[in-house]
Amino acid sequence: MEIREITEDYSVAPQIGIEHVPLIKAAGFKSVICNRPDEEDGAVPHDAIEAAVRAAGLEFRFIPVISGQITADNVDDQADALDDLPRPVLAYCRSGARCTNLYGLVVQKRG
C-alpha cells in the first residue's frame, strides 16, 4: 500500500483493501474517505471497507467522485468531511490522483 502525504493532516492512496485497515490505523490515521465510486471497474465496495474501518475504531466517509468529473458538490462534501472528521485523514480512489485534485480544489475554494 502506497500512501502519499499531501499535508500532515491529509494523505492519499490508491484503492485500499480490508487487509490494509490495520496498517492504516497503525500509521496513525483517524479517518478514511473513499472518493472512488463502487461501480468503477476494480473498485472494492465502499461498504466492505467502511465496516472494517469502523471496526478498527476509525471514522469513514463515502464521497464518490467520477474520474475527470469533479463537481462543486464533490468539493463541498470533501470540505465538509475535512472540517468534521478527526485527523489525520487518508483519502483513497483508484490511484490517489482524484483525492489529490479534490484536496487542491478544497484549498482553492477556501482561499
PDB file of N, CA and C in Angstrom:
ATOM      1  N   MET A   1       0.849  -1.177   0.000  1.00  0.00           N
ATOM      2  CA  MET A   1       0.000   0.000   0.000  1.00  0.00           C
ATOM      3  C   MET A   1       0.893   1.239   0.000  1.00  0.00           C
ATOM      4  N   GLU A   2       0.630   2.107  -0.948  1.00  0.00           N
ATOM      5  CA  GLU A   2       1.388   3.346  -1.086  1.00  0.00           C
ATOM      6  C   GLU A   2       0.565   4.508  -0.545  1.00  0.00           C
ATOM      7  N   ILE A   3       1.120   5.235   0.418  1.00  0.00           N
ATOM      8  CA  ILE A   3       0.461   6.414   0.980  1.00  0.00           C
ATOM      9  C   ILE A   3       1.322   7.622   0.661  1.00  0.00           C
ATOM     10  N   ARG A   4       0.688   8.653   0.079  1.00  0.00           N
ATOM     11  CA  ARG A   4       1.392   9.897  -0.241  1.00  0.00           C
ATOM     12  C   ARG A   4       0.857  11.015   0.663  1.00  0.00           C
ATOM     13  N   GLU A   5       1.751  11.611   1.431  1.00  0.00           N
ATOM     14  CA  GLU A   5       1.362  12.702   2.319  1.00  0.00           C
ATOM     15  C   GLU A   5       1.236  13.996   1.517  1.00  0.00           C
ATOM     16  N   ILE A   6       0.067  14.632   1.616  1.00  0.00           N
ATOM     17  CA  ILE A   6      -0.169  15.923   0.970  1.00  0.00           C
ATOM     18  C   ILE A   6       0.100  17.034   1.989  1.00  0.00           C
ATOM     19  N   THR A   7      -0.430  16.871   3.185  1.00  0.00           N
ATOM     20  CA  THR A   7      -0.129  17.736   4.329  1.00  0.00           C
ATOM     21  C   THR A   7       0.015  16.811   5.538  1.00  0.00           C
ATOM     22  N   GLU A   8       0.369  17.359   6.673  1.00  0.00           N
ATOM     23  CA  GLU A   8       0.491  16.489   7.851  1.00  0.00           C
ATOM     24  C   GLU A   8      -0.856  15.918   8.280  1.00  0.00           C
ATOM     25  N   ASP A   9      -1.956  16.517   7.839  1.00  0.00           N
ATOM     26  CA  ASP A   9      -3.298  16.046   8.203  1.00  0.00           C
ATOM     27  C   ASP A   9      -4.054  15.340   7.069  1.00  0.00           C
ATOM     28  N   TYR A  10      -3.477  15.272   5.878  1.00  0.00           N
ATOM     29  CA  TYR A  10      -4.190  14.711   4.723  1.00  0.00           C
ATOM     30  C   TYR A  10      -3.219  13.949   3.829  1.00  0.00           C
ATOM     31  N   SER A  11      -3.524  12.674   3.628  1.00  0.00           N
ATOM     32  CA  SER A  11      -2.736  11.826   2.737  1.00  0.00           C
ATOM     33  C   SER A  11      -3.672  11.112   1.781  1.00  0.00           C
ATOM     34  N   VAL A  12      -3.107  10.613   0.693  1.00  0.00           N
ATOM     35  CA  VAL A  12      -3.900   9.921  -0.314  1.00  0.00           C
ATOM     36  C   VAL A  12      -3.266   8.568  -0.618  1.00  0.00           C
ATOM     37  N   ALA A  13      -4.105   7.680  -1.159  1.00  0.00           N
ATOM     38  CA  ALA A  13      -3.642   6.344  -1.509  1.00  0.00           C
ATOM     39  C   ALA A  13      -4.472   5.813  -2.671  1.00  0.00           C
ATOM     40  N   PRO A  14      -3.899   4.860  -3.408  1.00  0.00           N
ATOM     41  CA  PRO A  14      -4.718   4.140  -4.372  1.00  0.00           C
ATOM     42  C   PRO A  14      -5.678   3.210  -3.620  1.00  0.00           C
ATOM     43  N   GLN A  15      -6.536   2.534  -4.359  1.00  0.00           N
ATOM     44  CA  GLN A  15      -7.537   1.628  -3.780  1.00  0.00           C
ATOM     45  C   GLN A  15      -6.950   0.830  -2.624  1.00  0.00           C
ATOM     46  N   ILE A  16      -7.651   0.865  -1.491  1.00  0.00           N
ATOM     47  CA  ILE A  16      -7.238   0.049  -0.351  1.00  0.00           C
ATOM     48  C   ILE A  16      -8.129  -1.180  -0.266  1.00  0.00           C
ATOM     49  N   GLY A  17      -7.657  -2.159   0.466  1.00  0.00           N
ATOM     50  CA  GLY A  17      -8.440  -3.352   0.750  1.00  0.00           C
ATOM     51  C   GLY A  17      -8.650  -3.475   2.250  1.00  0.00           C
ATOM     52  N   ILE A  18      -9.504  -4.384   2.629  1.00  0.00           N
ATOM     53  CA  ILE A  18      -9.781  -4.618   4.042  1.00  0.00           C
ATOM     54  C   ILE A  18      -8.486  -4.952   4.789  1.00  0.00           C
ATOM     55  N   GLU A  19      -7.600  -5.671   4.112  1.00  0.00           N
ATOM     56  CA  GLU A  19      -6.341  -6.072   4.745  1.00  0.00           C
ATOM     57  C   GLU A  19      -5.432  -4.890   5.060  1.00  0.00           C
ATOM     58  N   HIS A  20      -5.681  -3.744   4.460  1.00  0.00           N
ATOM     59  CA  HIS A  20      -4.861  -2.555   4.711  1.00  0.00           C
ATOM     60  C   HIS A  20      -5.304  -1.757   5.943  1.00  0.00           C
ATOM     61  N   VAL A  21      -6.507  -2.010   6.416  1.00  0.00           N
ATOM     62  CA  VAL A  21      -7.057  -1.199   7.510  1.00  0.00           C
ATOM     63  C   VAL A  21      -6.180  -1.244   8.769  1.00  0.00           C
ATOM     64  N   PRO A  22      -5.682  -2.411   9.206  1.00  0.00           N
ATOM     65  CA  PRO A  22      -4.796  -2.388  10.382  1.00  0.00           C
ATOM     66  C   PRO A  22      -3.537  -1.546  10.155  1.00  0.00           C
ATOM     67  N   LEU A  23      -3.012  -1.548   8.940  1.00  0.00           N
ATOM     68  CA  LEU A  23      -1.831  -0.739   8.624  1.00  0.00           C
ATOM     69  C   LEU A  23      -2.165   0.747   8.655  1.00  0.00           C
ATOM     70  N   ILE A  24      -3.348   1.087   8.181  1.00  0.00           N
ATOM     71  CA  ILE A  24      -3.800   2.479   8.187  1.00  0.00           C
ATOM     72  C   ILE A  24      -3.939   2.977   9.633  1.00  0.00           C
ATOM     73  N   LYS A  25      -4.533   2.140  10.458  1.00  0.00           N
ATOM     74  CA  LYS A  25      -4.674   2.521  11.877  1.00  0.00           C
ATOM     75  C   LYS A  25      -3.300   2.635  12.535  1.00  0.00           C
ATOM     76  N   ALA A  26      -2.430   1.674  12.273  1.00  0.00           N
ATOM     77  CA  ALA A  26      -1.092   1.693  12.872  1.00  0.00           C
ATOM     78  C   ALA A  26      -0.285   2.909  12.428  1.00  0.00           C
ATOM     79  N   ALA A  27      -0.578   3.419  11.234  1.00  0.00           N
ATOM     80  CA  ALA A  27       0.109   4.611  10.728  1.00  0.00           C
ATOM     81  C   ALA A  27      -0.398   5.883  11.397  1.00  0.00           C
ATOM     82  N   GLY A  28      -1.447   5.759  12.212  1.00  0.00           N
ATOM     83  CA  GLY A  28      -1.931   6.907  12.977  1.00  0.00           C
ATOM     84  C   GLY A  28      -3.122   7.629  12.387  1.00  0.00           C
ATOM     85  N   PHE A  29      -3.674   7.138  11.276  1.00  0.00           N
ATOM     86  CA  PHE A  29      -4.843   7.798  10.701  1.00  0.00           C
ATOM     87  C   PHE A  29      -6.049   7.629  11.602  1.00  0.00           C
ATOM     88  N   LYS A  30      -6.873   8.663  11.650  1.00  0.00           N
ATOM     89  CA  LYS A  30      -8.091   8.658  12.467  1.00  0.00           C
ATOM     90  C   LYS A  30      -9.350   8.519  11.615  1.00  0.00           C
ATOM     91  N   SER A  31      -9.227   8.846  10.302  1.00  0.00           N
ATOM     92  CA  SER A  31     -10.384   8.828   9.400  1.00  0.00           C
ATOM     93  C   SER A  31      -9.957   8.398   7.998  1.00  0.00           C
ATOM     94  N   VAL A  32     -10.933   7.835   7.279  1.00  0.00           N
ATOM     95  CA  VAL A  32     -10.722   7.406   5.893  1.00  0.00           C
ATOM     96  C   VAL A  32     -11.860   7.966   5.050  1.00  0.00           C
ATOM     97  N   ILE A  33     -11.501   8.518   3.878  1.00  0.00           N
ATOM     98  CA  ILE A  33     -12.501   8.981   2.908  1.00  0.00           C
ATOM     99  C   ILE A  33     -12.334   8.165   1.639  1.00  0.00           C
ATOM    100  N   CYS A  34     -13.433   7.599   1.163  1.00  0.00           N
ATOM    101  CA  CYS A  34     -13.435   6.896  -0.122  1.00  0.00           C
ATOM    102  C   CYS A  34     -13.977   7.843  -1.185  1.00  0.00           C
ATOM    103  N   ASN A  35     -13.145   8.162  -2.169  1.00  0.00           N
ATOM    104  CA  ASN A  35     -13.579   9.013  -3.288  1.00  0.00           C
ATOM    105  C   ASN A  35     -13.801   8.202  -4.551  1.00  0.00           C
ATOM    106  N   ARG A  36     -13.843   6.880  -4.445  1.00  0.00           N
ATOM    107  CA  ARG A  36     -13.994   6.013  -5.617  1.00  0.00           C
ATOM    108  C   ARG A  36     -15.407   5.438  -5.668  1.00  0.00           C
ATOM    109  N   PRO A  37     -16.138   5.686  -6.765  1.00  0.00           N
ATOM    110  CA  PRO A  37     -17.481   5.114  -6.888  1.00  0.00           C
ATOM    111  C   PRO A  37     -17.424   3.584  -6.901  1.00  0.00           C
ATOM    112  N   ASP A  38     -18.403   2.949  -6.278  1.00  0.00           N
ATOM    113  CA  ASP A  38     -18.453   1.482  -6.232  1.00  0.00           C
ATOM    114  C   ASP A  38     -18.523   0.849  -7.615  1.00  0.00           C
ATOM    115  N   GLU A  39     -19.180   1.540  -8.551  1.00  0.00           N
ATOM    116  CA  GLU A  39     -19.393   0.950  -9.881  1.00  0.00           C
ATOM    117  C   GLU A  39     -18.174   1.078 -10.795  1.00  0.00           C
ATOM    118  N   GLU A  40     -17.139   1.749 -10.335  1.00  0.00           N
ATOM    119  CA  GLU A  40     -15.933   1.902 -11.144  1.00  0.00           C
ATOM    120  C   GLU A  40     -15.199   0.557 -11.223  1.00  0.00           C
ATOM    121  N   ASP A  41     -14.719   0.226 -12.399  1.00  0.00           N
ATOM    122  CA  ASP A  41     -14.046  -1.052 -12.621  1.00  0.00           C
ATOM    123  C   ASP A  41     -12.897  -1.246 -11.638  1.00  0.00           C
ATOM    124  N   GLY A  42     -12.908  -2.359 -10.916  1.00  0.00           N
ATOM    125  CA  GLY A  42     -11.845  -2.673  -9.976  1.00  0.00           C
ATOM    126  C   GLY A  42     -12.039  -2.139  -8.572  1.00  0.00           C
ATOM    127  N   ALA A  43     -13.113  -1.401  -8.337  1.00  0.00           N
ATOM    128  CA  ALA A  43     -13.341  -0.823  -7.011  1.00  0.00           C
ATOM    129  C   ALA A  43     -13.768  -1.901  -6.019  1.00  0.00           C
ATOM    130  N   VAL A  44     -13.262  -1.805  -4.807  1.00  0.00           N
ATOM    131  CA  VAL A  44     -13.743  -2.625  -3.700  1.00  0.00           C
ATOM    132  C   VAL A  44     -14.949  -1.891  -3.127  1.00  0.00           C
ATOM    133  N   PRO A  45     -16.100  -2.568  -2.979  1.00  0.00           N
ATOM    134  CA  PRO A  45     -17.289  -1.872  -2.475  1.00  0.00           C
ATOM    135  C   PRO A  45     -16.988  -1.111  -1.182  1.00  0.00           C
ATOM    136  N   HIS A  46     -17.413   0.157  -1.173  1.00  0.00           N
ATOM    137  CA  HIS A  46     -17.071   1.004  -0.027  1.00  0.00           C
ATOM    138  C   HIS A  46     -17.639   0.477   1.279  1.00  0.00           C
ATOM    139  N   ASP A  47     -18.786  -0.213   1.234  1.00  0.00           N
ATOM    140  CA  ASP A  47     -19.377  -0.672   2.488  1.00  0.00           C
ATOM    141  C   ASP A  47     -18.520  -1.732   3.170  1.00  0.00           C
ATOM    142  N   ALA A  48     -17.785  -2.536   2.400  1.00  0.00           N
ATOM    143  CA  ALA A  48     -16.873  -3.515   2.992  1.00  0.00           C
ATOM    144  C   ALA A  48     -15.704  -2.802   3.675  1.00  0.00           C
ATOM    145  N   ILE A  49     -15.161  -1.794   3.000  1.00  0.00           N
ATOM    146  CA  ILE A  49     -14.071  -1.012   3.586  1.00  0.00           C
ATOM    147  C   ILE A  49     -14.586  -0.243   4.806  1.00  0.00           C
ATOM    148  N   GLU A  50     -15.756   0.346   4.672  1.00  0.00           N
ATOM    149  CA  GLU A  50     -16.321   1.120   5.786  1.00  0.00           C
ATOM    150  C   GLU A  50     -16.485   0.249   7.030  1.00  0.00           C
ATOM    151  N   ALA A  51     -16.999  -0.967   6.865  1.00  0.00           N
ATOM    152  CA  ALA A  51     -17.193  -1.853   8.010  1.00  0.00           C
ATOM    153  C   ALA A  51     -15.864  -2.152   8.705  1.00  0.00           C
ATOM    154  N   ALA A  52     -14.823  -2.412   7.933  1.00  0.00           N
ATOM    155  CA  ALA A  52     -13.509  -2.703   8.508  1.00  0.00           C
ATOM    156  C   ALA A  52     -12.919  -1.476   9.184  1.00  0.00           C
ATOM    157  N   VAL A  53     -13.083  -0.313   8.556  1.00  0.00           N
ATOM    158  CA  VAL A  53     -12.565   0.940   9.117  1.00  0.00           C
ATOM    159  C   VAL A  53     -13.255   1.254  10.441  1.00  0.00           C
ATOM    160  N   ARG A  54     -14.563   1.142  10.459  1.00  0.00           N
ATOM    161  CA  ARG A  54     -15.307   1.441  11.693  1.00  0.00           C
ATOM    162  C   ARG A  54     -14.997   0.412  12.786  1.00  0.00           C
ATOM    163  N   ALA A  55     -14.845  -0.860  12.396  1.00  0.00           N
ATOM    164  CA  ALA A  55     -14.491  -1.896  13.372  1.00  0.00           C
ATOM    165  C   ALA A  55     -13.129  -1.618  14.009  1.00  0.00           C
ATOM    166  N   ALA A  56     -12.263  -0.944  13.272  1.00  0.00           N
ATOM    167  CA  ALA A  56     -10.937  -0.575  13.790  1.00  0.00           C
ATOM    168  C   ALA A  56     -10.984   0.695  14.641  1.00  0.00           C
ATOM    169  N   GLY A  57     -12.167   1.297  14.760  1.00  0.00           N
ATOM    170  CA  GLY A  57     -12.322   2.489  15.588  1.00  0.00           C
ATOM    171  C   GLY A  57     -12.040   3.793  14.874  1.00  0.00           C
ATOM    172  N   LEU A  58     -12.015   3.755  13.535  1.00  0.00           N
ATOM    173  CA  LEU A  58     -11.761   4.957  12.743  1.00  0.00           C
ATOM    174  C   LEU A  58     -13.065   5.466  12.145  1.00  0.00           C
ATOM    175  N   GLU A  59     -13.065   6.720  11.726  1.00  0.00           N
ATOM    176  CA  GLU A  59     -14.219   7.318  11.048  1.00  0.00           C
ATOM    177  C   GLU A  59     -14.115   7.063   9.547  1.00  0.00           C
ATOM    178  N   PHE A  60     -15.261   7.126   8.853  1.00  0.00           N
ATOM    179  CA  PHE A  60     -15.297   6.848   7.417  1.00  0.00           C
ATOM    180  C   PHE A  60     -16.300   7.770   6.747  1.00  0.00           C
ATOM    181  N   ARG A  61     -15.972   8.208   5.539  1.00  0.00           N
ATOM    182  CA  ARG A  61     -16.896   8.963   4.685  1.00  0.00           C
ATOM    183  C   ARG A  61     -16.814   8.407   3.276  1.00  0.00           C
ATOM    184  N   PHE A  62     -17.962   8.335   2.609  1.00  0.00           N
ATOM    185  CA  PHE A  62     -18.042   7.913   1.214  1.00  0.00           C
ATOM    186  C   PHE A  62     -18.469   9.112   0.388  1.00  0.00           C
ATOM    187  N   ILE A  63     -17.539   9.631  -0.411  1.00  0.00           N
ATOM    188  CA  ILE A  63     -17.787  10.783  -1.278  1.00  0.00           C
ATOM    189  C   ILE A  63     -17.330  10.380  -2.676  1.00  0.00           C
ATOM    190  N   PRO A  64     -18.190   9.646  -3.400  1.00  0.00           N
ATOM    191  CA  PRO A  64     -17.774   9.155  -4.721  1.00  0.00           C
ATOM    192  C   PRO A  64     -17.619  10.283  -5.734  1.00  0.00           C
ATOM    193  N   VAL A  65     -16.506  10.234  -6.443  1.00  0.00           N
ATOM    194  CA  VAL A  65     -16.183  11.245  -7.454  1.00  0.00           C
ATOM    195  C   VAL A  65     -15.867  10.513  -8.756  1.00  0.00           C
ATOM    196  N   ILE A  66     -16.557  10.881  -9.820  1.00  0.00           N
ATOM    197  CA  ILE A  66     -16.288  10.278 -11.126  1.00  0.00           C
ATOM    198  C   ILE A  66     -14.996  10.859 -11.675  1.00  0.00           C
ATOM    199  N   SER A  67     -14.116   9.971 -12.106  1.00  0.00           N
ATOM    200  CA  SER A  67     -12.806  10.400 -12.611  1.00  0.00           C
ATOM    201  C   SER A  67     -12.966  11.424 -13.725  1.00  0.00           C
ATOM    202  N   GLY A  68     -12.258  12.548 -13.584  1.00  0.00           N
ATOM    203  CA  GLY A  68     -12.301  13.605 -14.589  1.00  0.00           C
ATOM    204  C   GLY A  68     -13.546  14.466 -14.550  1.00  0.00           C
ATOM    205  N   GLN A  69     -14.411  14.246 -13.549  1.00  0.00           N
ATOM    206  CA  GLN A  69     -15.677  14.984 -13.495  1.00  0.00           C
ATOM    207  C   GLN A  69     -15.978  15.491 -12.082  1.00  0.00           C
ATOM    208  N   ILE A  70     -15.001  16.068 -11.427  1.00  0.00           N
ATOM    209  CA  ILE A  70     -15.213  16.604 -10.087  1.00  0.00           C
ATOM    210  C   ILE A  70     -16.227  17.746 -10.159  1.00  0.00           C
ATOM    211  N   THR A  71     -17.234  17.675  -9.292  1.00  0.00           N
ATOM    212  CA  THR A  71     -18.283  18.694  -9.277  1.00  0.00           C
ATOM    213  C   THR A  71     -18.103  19.627  -8.075  1.00  0.00           C
ATOM    214  N   ALA A  72     -18.825  20.736  -8.096  1.00  0.00           N
ATOM    215  CA  ALA A  72     -18.819  21.662  -6.960  1.00  0.00           C
ATOM    216  C   ALA A  72     -19.352  20.968  -5.713  1.00  0.00           C
ATOM    217  N   ASP A  73     -20.347  20.090  -5.875  1.00  0.00           N
ATOM    218  CA  ASP A  73     -20.873  19.334  -4.734  1.00  0.00           C
ATOM    219  C   ASP A  73     -19.798  18.419  -4.148  1.00  0.00           C
ATOM    220  N   ASN A  74     -18.997  17.784  -5.014  1.00  0.00           N
ATOM    221  CA  ASN A  74     -17.896  16.942  -4.525  1.00  0.00           C
ATOM    222  C   ASN A  74     -16.941  17.762  -3.670  1.00  0.00           C
ATOM    223  N   VAL A  75     -16.597  18.958  -4.138  1.00  0.00           N
ATOM    224  CA  VAL A  75     -15.676  19.833  -3.408  1.00  0.00           C
ATOM    225  C   VAL A  75     -16.290  20.230  -2.068  1.00  0.00           C
ATOM    226  N   ASP A  76     -17.557  20.609  -2.071  1.00  0.00           N
ATOM    227  CA  ASP A  76     -18.233  20.988  -0.827  1.00  0.00           C
ATOM    228  C   ASP A  76     -18.284  19.819   0.152  1.00  0.00           C
ATOM    229  N   ASP A  77     -18.622  18.628  -0.355  1.00  0.00           N
ATOM    230  CA  ASP A  77     -18.719  17.451   0.510  1.00  0.00           C
ATOM    231  C   ASP A  77     -17.356  17.089   1.107  1.00  0.00           C
ATOM    232  N   GLN A  78     -16.304  17.180   0.290  1.00  0.00           N
ATOM    233  CA  GLN A  78     -14.962  16.883   0.787  1.00  0.00           C
ATOM    234  C   GLN A  78     -14.541  17.918   1.833  1.00  0.00           C
ATOM    235  N   ALA A  79     -14.833  19.184   1.566  1.00  0.00           N
ATOM    236  CA  ALA A  79     -14.503  20.247   2.528  1.00  0.00           C
ATOM    237  C   ALA A  79     -15.229  20.010   3.852  1.00  0.00           C
ATOM    238  N   ASP A  80     -16.512  19.672   3.778  1.00  0.00           N
ATOM    239  CA  ASP A  80     -17.281  19.401   4.998  1.00  0.00           C
ATOM    240  C   ASP A  80     -16.685  18.223   5.762  1.00  0.00           C
ATOM    241  N   ALA A  81     -16.319  17.171   5.040  1.00  0.00           N
ATOM    242  CA  ALA A  81     -15.726  15.997   5.681  1.00  0.00           C
ATOM    243  C   ALA A  81     -14.422  16.366   6.369  1.00  0.00           C
ATOM    244  N   LEU A  82     -13.602  17.149   5.696  1.00  0.00           N
ATOM    245  CA  LEU A  82     -12.323  17.540   6.286  1.00  0.00           C
ATOM    246  C   LEU A  82     -12.516  18.435   7.512  1.00  0.00           C
ATOM    247  N   ASP A  83     -13.596  19.186   7.541  1.00  0.00           N
ATOM    248  CA  ASP A  83     -13.905  20.002   8.717  1.00  0.00           C
ATOM    249  C   ASP A  83     -14.400  19.145   9.878  1.00  0.00           C
ATOM    250  N   ASP A  84     -15.113  18.068   9.576  1.00  0.00           N
ATOM    251  CA  ASP A  84     -15.794  17.270  10.597  1.00  0.00           C
ATOM    252  C   ASP A  84     -14.985  16.088  11.125  1.00  0.00           C
ATOM    253  N   LEU A  85     -14.183  15.478  10.285  1.00  0.00           N
ATOM    254  CA  LEU A  85     -13.517  14.228  10.652  1.00  0.00           C
ATOM    255  C   LEU A  85     -12.278  14.459  11.509  1.00  0.00           C
ATOM    256  N   PRO A  86     -12.012  13.516  12.416  1.00  0.00           N
ATOM    257  CA  PRO A  86     -10.752  13.579  13.161  1.00  0.00           C
ATOM    258  C   PRO A  86      -9.567  13.382  12.212  1.00  0.00           C
ATOM    259  N   ARG A  87      -8.479  14.033  12.517  1.00  0.00           N
ATOM    260  CA  ARG A  87      -7.290  13.986  11.657  1.00  0.00           C
ATOM    261  C   ARG A  87      -6.182  13.207  12.345  1.00  0.00           C
ATOM    262  N   PRO A  88      -5.276  12.700  11.547  1.00  0.00           N
ATOM    263  CA  PRO A  88      -5.115  12.815  10.099  1.00  0.00           C
ATOM    264  C   PRO A  88      -6.097  11.936   9.328  1.00  0.00           C
ATOM    265  N   VAL A  89      -6.322  12.347   8.064  1.00  0.00           N
ATOM    266  CA  VAL A  89      -7.273  11.692   7.172  1.00  0.00           C
ATOM    267  C   VAL A  89      -6.517  11.041   6.024  1.00  0.00           C
ATOM    268  N   LEU A  90      -6.931   9.825   5.672  1.00  0.00           N
ATOM    269  CA  LEU A  90      -6.444   9.155   4.472  1.00  0.00           C
ATOM    270  C   LEU A  90      -7.601   9.081   3.484  1.00  0.00           C
ATOM    271  N   ALA A  91      -7.418   9.651   2.297  1.00  0.00           N
ATOM    272  CA  ALA A  91      -8.425   9.564   1.234  1.00  0.00           C
ATOM    273  C   ALA A  91      -7.894   8.635   0.151  1.00  0.00           C
ATOM    274  N   TYR A  92      -8.796   7.836  -0.422  1.00  0.00           N
ATOM    275  CA  TYR A  92      -8.356   6.939  -1.485  1.00  0.00           C
ATOM    276  C   TYR A  92      -9.318   6.938  -2.654  1.00  0.00           C
ATOM    277  N   CYS A  93      -8.766   6.601  -3.819  1.00  0.00           N
ATOM    278  CA  CYS A  93      -9.529   6.406  -5.050  1.00  0.00           C
ATOM    279  C   CYS A  93      -8.778   5.343  -5.855  1.00  0.00           C
ATOM    280  N   ARG A  94      -8.842   5.372  -7.170  1.00  0.00           N
ATOM    281  CA  ARG A  94      -8.140   4.364  -7.961  1.00  0.00           C
ATOM    282  C   ARG A  94      -6.630   4.511  -7.841  1.00  0.00           C
ATOM    283  N   SER A  95      -6.137   5.732  -8.013  1.00  0.00           N
ATOM    284  CA  SER A  95      -4.687   5.949  -7.988  1.00  0.00           C
ATOM    285  C   SER A  95      -4.228   6.936  -6.917  1.00  0.00           C
ATOM    286  N   GLY A  96      -5.158   7.690  -6.349  1.00  0.00           N
ATOM    287  CA  GLY A  96      -4.835   8.761  -5.410  1.00  0.00           C
ATOM    288  C   GLY A  96      -4.892  10.136  -6.055  1.00  0.00           C
ATOM    289  N   ALA A  97      -4.895  10.183  -7.389  1.00  0.00           N
ATOM    290  CA  ALA A  97      -4.887  11.470  -8.104  1.00  0.00           C
ATOM    291  C   ALA A  97      -6.181  12.258  -7.884  1.00  0.00           C
ATOM    292  N   ARG A  98      -7.297  11.593  -7.941  1.00  0.00           N
ATOM    293  CA  ARG A  98      -8.586  12.273  -7.739  1.00  0.00           C
ATOM    294  C   ARG A  98      -8.644  12.920  -6.364  1.00  0.00           C
ATOM    295  N   CYS A  99      -8.184  12.183  -5.351  1.00  0.00           N
ATOM    296  CA  CYS A  99      -8.181  12.716  -3.976  1.00  0.00           C
ATOM    297  C   CYS A  99      -7.257  13.921  -3.856  1.00  0.00           C
ATOM    298  N   THR A 100      -6.130  13.849  -4.562  1.00  0.00           N
ATOM    299  CA  THR A 100      -5.184  14.970  -4.550  1.00  0.00           C
ATOM    300  C   THR A 100      -5.799  16.182  -5.230  1.00  0.00           C
ATOM    301  N   ASN A 101      -6.384  15.988  -6.403  1.00  0.00           N
ATOM    302  CA  ASN A 101      -7.020  17.092  -7.131  1.00  0.00           C
ATOM    303  C   ASN A 101      -8.177  17.692  -6.337  1.00  0.00           C
ATOM    304  N   LEU A 102      -8.958  16.835  -5.708  1.00  0.00           N
ATOM    305  CA  LEU A 102     -10.089  17.293  -4.908  1.00  0.00           C
ATOM    306  C   LEU A 102      -9.598  18.142  -3.735  1.00  0.00           C
ATOM    307  N   TYR A 103      -8.543  17.728  -3.101  1.00  0.00           N
ATOM    308  CA  TYR A 103      -7.982  18.500  -1.994  1.00  0.00           C
ATOM    309  C   TYR A 103      -7.517  19.878  -2.481  1.00  0.00           C
ATOM    310  N   GLY A 104      -6.868  19.908  -3.627  1.00  0.00           N
ATOM    311  CA  GLY A 104      -6.432  21.190  -4.199  1.00  0.00           C
ATOM    312  C   GLY A 104      -7.599  22.137  -4.440  1.00  0.00           C
ATOM    313  N   LEU A 105      -8.718  21.587  -4.887  1.00  0.00           N
ATOM    314  CA  LEU A 105      -9.909  22.409  -5.123  1.00  0.00           C
ATOM    315  C   LEU A 105     -10.517  22.895  -3.808  1.00  0.00           C
ATOM    316  N   VAL A 106     -10.457  22.064  -2.770  1.00  0.00           N
ATOM    317  CA  VAL A 106     -10.951  22.486  -1.454  1.00  0.00           C
ATOM    318  C   VAL A 106     -10.113  23.662  -0.953  1.00  0.00           C
ATOM    319  N   VAL A 107      -8.798  23.535  -1.062  1.00  0.00           N
ATOM    320  CA  VAL A 107      -7.895  24.602  -0.607  1.00  0.00           C
ATOM    321  C   VAL A 107      -8.146  25.875  -1.418  1.00  0.00           C
ATOM    322  N   GLN A 108      -8.293  25.733  -2.730  1.00  0.00           N
ATOM    323  CA  GLN A 108      -8.561  26.885  -3.595  1.00  0.00           C
ATOM    324  C   GLN A 108      -9.870  27.571  -3.219  1.00  0.00           C
ATOM    325  N   LYS A 109     -10.899  26.781  -2.936  1.00  0.00           N
ATOM    326  CA  LYS A 109     -12.197  27.331  -2.580  1.00  0.00           C
ATOM    327  C   LYS A 109     -12.117  28.136  -1.282  1.00  0.00           C
ATOM    328  N   ARG A 110     -11.314  27.649  -0.363  1.00  0.00           N
ATOM    329  CA  ARG A 110     -11.205  28.315   0.942  1.00  0.00           C
ATOM    330  C   ARG A 110     -10.348  29.572   0.860  1.00  0.00           C
ATOM    331  N   GLY A 111      -9.588  29.685  -0.242  1.00  0.00           N
ATOM    332  CA  GLY A 111      -8.784  30.873  -0.473  1.00  0.00           C
ATOM    333  C   GLY A 111      -7.663  31.002   0.485  1.00  0.00           C
TER     334      GLY A 111
END
